[in-house]
């Protein structure tokens, strides 16, 4: 591909929660970690509480689901601006489904995006709806996963 550009992303994931005996036993260590990058706020992470994690912290599965939603939204807003559709609000109640086998190996089965998009009065609601397809096609996160990512949008014209 002669017309490609490479982008690199650097973050630092630090496990800073040794409880004194390292990983001596499954119950002997914290799952907490921090995600950092230069000039950005730290994200406090853990694992799903089912796996002994902290409910109040972001887990990798939630971050993956959020990344899919955010990437789609950013492409959608770009395409809406190009099409002359004025979006005034965008809320996505996205849900991912993961399965874990008896051997402990897990994988995502699917993610469903459910964005509610509010557009200005008089906007072309049908056109606003169709922009989700090209947004999905352009989303580099969705293009990088090996499970289906569906989109069930609702378009609302502000009154």
Foldseek 3Di string as FASTA:
>chain_A
DVPDDDDDDDKDKADPWQPPPRPPDQPRTFQWIWIGDPPDDIFIAGAPVVSVHDPVGHHPVNVLLVLLQVQLVVLLVVVCVVVVWAWDDKDWPKDWAKDADPVRDIDTAEIETEMETETEPPGDQVVSVVSSVVSCVPRVSNVPDDHYYHYDYHYHYDD
